[in-house]
Amino acid sequence: MTWKDITIRKYVELYEVMQRKTKGIKGSYEVLAVLYDKPVEYFDNIPVKLLTKMLRESKFIYSKPVSKGIPTILKLNGKKYIINVNPSEFIGGQYIDASSYCKSEETINRNYHNIISLLLSPYSLFSGNKFTKLVKKAKTKDELVVVYDKINKERNIIADELYNHLTMDIVFQLSEYFFLLYQNLTKTTMDCLDKEIARAKKIVKTSLNTNGMRDIGDGI
């Protein structure tokens, strides 16, 4: 057994079990129950030799696989998706979603399917980039709202498929590069925001001084 055998769904179950931090053999049983889709009680009734083998085979969960590059195409359930791990090409809504999914280790571990779905949709998704065409055709705010609703519904469907079928070996490959780029983008964005805030403060201060209001204090 390797990460190739672990779907995102099973990974989330495994994460929940390990968060409980059950000690001793009971904790090992809980991990094995997830990995082998068995009730915890099952492991009380198997030969020690087999139990030892299972425990040895489960050790892979304590380390992540070494990345071998970024796949550019993802094939899943008979569908083919183009992958784009660069968050700088996100639209605003995607960036906000990514920020909510990536705000902590806990949210990341529970939302790999949602994070990966952002890398597949909407603009790098399917042949012909159909959502890009719809966005370009939209001429009013209401039409854009309809398009983005379609995008979100499609992405939710994809996220469900990823949750149940995508294996963690691919997830780790994609997420490693995405998180690196996302951290750099976030830092750049915050640096720009800090500069804009400083510039705005300077403009306000200059304006107040110009209008003879320099003595009213620093409350502004």
Protein backbone atom coordinates (compact mmCIF):
# COMPACT_ATOMS: atom_id res chain seq x y z
CA MET A 1 0.00 0.00 0.00
CA THR A 2 1.21 3.52 -0.91
CA TRP A 3 -0.24 7.01 -1.33
CA LYS A 4 -1.43 5.83 -4.75
CA ASP A 5 -4.03 3.76 -2.91
CA ILE A 6 -5.33 6.61 -0.74
CA THR A 7 -8.09 8.87 -2.07
CA ILE A 8 -8.69 12.34 -0.67
CA ARG A 9 -11.76 10.99 1.12
CA LYS A 10 -9.70 8.33 2.87
CA TYR A 11 -6.97 10.88 3.62
CA VAL A 12 -9.49 13.15 5.38
CA GLU A 13 -10.75 10.18 7.40
CA LEU A 14 -7.16 9.34 8.29
CA TYR A 15 -6.48 12.95 9.28
CA GLU A 16 -9.54 12.96 11.58
CA VAL A 17 -8.38 9.74 13.25
CA MET A 18 -4.85 11.04 13.79
CA GLN A 19 -6.19 14.30 15.22
CA ARG A 20 -7.80 12.29 18.02
CA LYS A 21 -4.28 11.16 19.03
CA THR A 22 -5.47 7.88 20.46
CA LYS A 23 -2.50 6.19 22.09
CA GLY A 24 -1.28 2.62 22.02
CA ILE A 25 -2.56 -0.29 20.02
CA LYS A 26 -6.08 1.20 19.88
CA GLY A 27 -4.72 4.18 17.95
CA SER A 28 -2.98 1.81 15.52
CA TYR A 29 -6.25 -0.10 15.07
CA GLU A 30 -8.09 3.14 14.22
CA VAL A 31 -5.52 3.97 11.53
CA LEU A 32 -5.66 0.45 10.07
CA ALA A 33 -9.47 0.55 10.10
CA VAL A 34 -9.38 3.55 7.74
CA LEU A 35 -6.65 2.16 5.50
CA TYR A 36 -8.22 -1.27 5.08
CA ASP A 37 -11.91 -0.29 5.31
CA LYS A 38 -12.50 -2.56 8.28
CA PRO A 39 -14.20 -2.04 11.65
CA VAL A 40 -11.77 -1.48 14.54
CA GLU A 41 -12.94 -4.75 16.15
CA TYR A 42 -11.70 -6.72 13.12
CA PHE A 43 -8.08 -6.30 14.22
CA ASP A 44 -8.72 -7.98 17.55
CA ASN A 45 -9.38 -11.23 15.72
CA ILE A 46 -6.54 -11.58 13.22
CA PRO A 47 -3.20 -13.38 13.65
CA VAL A 48 -0.39 -11.30 15.13
CA LYS A 49 1.74 -12.06 12.06
CA LEU A 50 -0.85 -10.47 9.76
CA LEU A 51 -1.36 -7.53 12.11
CA THR A 52 2.39 -6.88 12.18
CA LYS A 53 2.48 -6.97 8.37
CA MET A 54 -0.36 -4.45 8.14
CA LEU A 55 1.31 -2.12 10.65
CA ARG A 56 4.56 -2.29 8.70
CA GLU A 57 2.78 -1.55 5.42
CA SER A 58 1.02 1.46 6.94
CA LYS A 59 4.24 3.30 7.81
CA PHE A 60 4.12 5.22 4.52
CA ILE A 61 1.48 7.58 5.97
CA TYR A 62 4.12 9.27 8.14
CA SER A 63 6.04 10.68 5.14
CA LYS A 64 5.08 12.37 1.89
CA PRO A 65 6.31 11.14 -1.49
CA VAL A 66 9.12 12.95 -3.30
CA SER A 67 7.66 15.11 -6.06
CA LYS A 68 8.58 14.12 -9.62
CA GLY A 69 7.37 17.26 -11.35
CA ILE A 70 3.97 18.78 -12.09
CA PRO A 71 1.47 16.88 -14.23
CA THR A 72 -0.13 19.14 -16.85
CA ILE A 73 -3.07 16.85 -17.60
CA LEU A 74 -5.33 15.07 -15.14
CA LYS A 75 -7.45 12.11 -16.28
CA LEU A 76 -10.24 11.19 -13.90
CA ASN A 77 -13.36 9.09 -14.47
CA GLY A 78 -13.01 9.28 -18.23
CA LYS A 79 -12.56 13.07 -18.25
CA LYS A 80 -9.43 15.01 -19.07
CA TYR A 81 -8.54 18.27 -17.32
CA ILE A 82 -5.84 20.81 -18.02
CA ILE A 83 -3.99 21.75 -14.82
CA ASN A 84 -2.84 25.22 -13.90
CA VAL A 85 -1.06 25.50 -10.54
CA ASN A 86 -0.30 29.24 -10.86
CA PRO A 87 -2.56 31.17 -8.44
CA SER A 88 -1.55 34.51 -10.00
CA GLU A 89 -3.89 33.61 -12.87
CA PHE A 90 -6.88 33.19 -10.56
CA ILE A 91 -9.84 35.52 -10.73
CA GLY A 92 -10.72 37.34 -7.50
CA GLY A 93 -13.30 34.79 -6.38
CA GLN A 94 -10.87 31.91 -6.82
CA TYR A 95 -8.22 33.73 -4.80
CA ILE A 96 -10.68 34.37 -1.98
CA ASP A 97 -11.69 30.69 -1.97
CA ALA A 98 -8.03 29.63 -1.96
CA SER A 99 -7.36 31.95 0.98
CA SER A 100 -10.15 30.37 3.02
CA TYR A 101 -8.99 26.82 2.22
CA CYS A 102 -5.32 27.62 2.96
CA LYS A 103 -5.64 29.67 6.14
CA SER A 104 -4.39 26.85 8.40
CA GLU A 105 -2.97 23.34 8.33
CA GLU A 106 -6.36 22.03 9.44
CA THR A 107 -8.33 23.71 6.62
CA ILE A 108 -5.77 22.55 4.07
CA ASN A 109 -5.97 18.92 5.19
CA ARG A 110 -9.76 18.98 5.05
CA ASN A 111 -10.00 20.78 1.69
CA TYR A 112 -7.51 19.26 -0.74
CA HIS A 113 -10.39 18.43 -3.10
CA ASN A 114 -11.57 22.05 -3.09
CA ILE A 115 -8.03 23.38 -3.54
CA ILE A 116 -7.29 21.06 -6.48
CA SER A 117 -10.65 21.94 -8.07
CA LEU A 118 -9.44 25.56 -8.24
CA LEU A 119 -6.50 24.41 -10.33
CA LEU A 120 -8.85 22.77 -12.82
CA SER A 121 -11.58 25.37 -13.08
CA PRO A 122 -12.97 27.49 -14.45
CA TYR A 123 -10.64 28.83 -17.13
CA SER A 124 -8.30 25.89 -17.63
CA LEU A 125 -11.18 23.44 -17.52
CA PHE A 126 -12.45 21.26 -20.39
CA SER A 127 -11.75 21.57 -24.09
CA GLY A 128 -12.36 24.99 -25.54
CA ASN A 129 -12.37 26.79 -22.17
CA LYS A 130 -16.15 27.12 -22.34
CA PHE A 131 -16.45 29.27 -19.24
CA THR A 132 -13.97 31.80 -20.60
CA LYS A 133 -16.20 32.25 -23.63
CA LEU A 134 -19.28 32.68 -21.44
CA VAL A 135 -17.55 35.32 -19.30
CA LYS A 136 -16.52 37.27 -22.40
CA LYS A 137 -20.05 37.15 -23.76
CA ALA A 138 -21.60 38.45 -20.53
CA LYS A 139 -22.45 42.14 -20.93
CA THR A 140 -24.16 42.94 -17.65
CA LYS A 141 -23.54 42.27 -13.96
CA ASP A 142 -26.56 39.94 -13.82
CA GLU A 143 -25.24 37.90 -16.75
CA LEU A 144 -21.87 37.59 -15.03
CA VAL A 145 -23.57 36.40 -11.83
CA VAL A 146 -25.32 33.65 -13.82
CA VAL A 147 -22.01 32.58 -15.41
CA TYR A 148 -20.19 32.48 -12.07
CA ASP A 149 -23.02 30.44 -10.56
CA LYS A 150 -22.51 27.91 -13.36
CA ILE A 151 -18.77 27.92 -12.71
CA ASN A 152 -19.24 27.28 -8.99
CA LYS A 153 -21.76 24.47 -9.57
CA GLU A 154 -19.39 22.81 -12.03
CA ARG A 155 -16.48 23.19 -9.64
CA ASN A 156 -18.48 21.65 -6.79
CA ILE A 157 -19.23 18.62 -8.98
CA ILE A 158 -15.54 18.31 -9.82
CA ALA A 159 -14.55 18.71 -6.15
CA ASP A 160 -16.84 15.80 -5.26
CA GLU A 161 -15.23 13.63 -7.93
CA LEU A 162 -11.77 14.57 -6.70
CA TYR A 163 -12.77 13.81 -3.11
CA ASN A 164 -13.88 10.29 -3.95
CA HIS A 165 -11.43 9.30 -6.69
CA LEU A 166 -8.23 11.39 -6.82
CA THR A 167 -5.31 9.74 -5.00
CA MET A 168 -2.91 11.52 -2.70
CA ASP A 169 0.24 10.85 -4.73
CA ILE A 170 -1.12 13.26 -7.36
CA VAL A 171 -2.52 15.65 -4.75
CA PHE A 172 0.88 16.04 -3.10
CA GLN A 173 2.52 16.66 -6.49
CA LEU A 174 0.10 19.44 -7.37
CA SER A 175 -0.19 21.02 -3.94
CA GLU A 176 3.56 21.26 -3.34
CA TYR A 177 4.04 23.65 -6.27
CA PHE A 178 0.74 25.43 -5.73
CA PHE A 179 1.48 26.24 -2.07
CA LEU A 180 4.93 27.59 -2.96
CA LEU A 181 3.48 29.91 -5.62
CA TYR A 182 0.53 30.83 -3.40
CA GLN A 183 2.80 31.87 -0.52
CA ASN A 184 4.88 34.03 -2.85
CA LEU A 185 1.75 35.60 -4.35
CA THR A 186 0.28 36.28 -0.90
CA LYS A 187 3.49 37.94 0.26
CA THR A 188 3.63 40.08 -2.90
CA THR A 189 -0.04 41.02 -2.52
CA MET A 190 0.39 42.01 1.14
CA ASP A 191 3.54 44.02 0.33
CA CYS A 192 1.62 45.93 -2.36
CA LEU A 193 -1.30 46.47 0.01
CA ASP A 194 1.02 47.82 2.73
CA LYS A 195 2.56 50.24 0.22
CA GLU A 196 -0.88 51.41 -0.92
CA ILE A 197 -2.00 51.95 2.69
CA ALA A 198 1.17 53.93 3.44
CA ARG A 199 0.65 56.01 0.31
CA ALA A 200 -2.99 56.68 1.24
CA LYS A 201 -2.00 57.75 4.76
CA LYS A 202 0.58 60.13 3.32
CA ILE A 203 -2.01 61.68 0.98
CA VAL A 204 -4.50 62.10 3.84
CA LYS A 205 -1.86 63.64 6.11
CA THR A 206 -0.75 66.05 3.39
CA SER A 207 -4.36 67.00 2.72
CA LEU A 208 -5.05 67.67 6.40
CA ASN A 209 -1.91 69.77 6.78
CA THR A 210 -2.73 71.73 3.65
CA ASN A 211 -6.17 72.55 5.01
CA GLY A 212 -4.87 73.75 8.38
CA MET A 213 -5.99 70.69 10.36
CA ARG A 214 -2.60 69.50 11.60
CA ASP A 215 -3.47 70.10 15.25
CA ILE A 216 -6.53 67.85 15.56
CA GLY A 217 -4.48 64.78 16.55
CA ASP A 218 -3.66 61.43 15.06
CA GLY A 219 -7.13 59.91 15.27
CA ILE A 220 -7.53 59.88 11.50
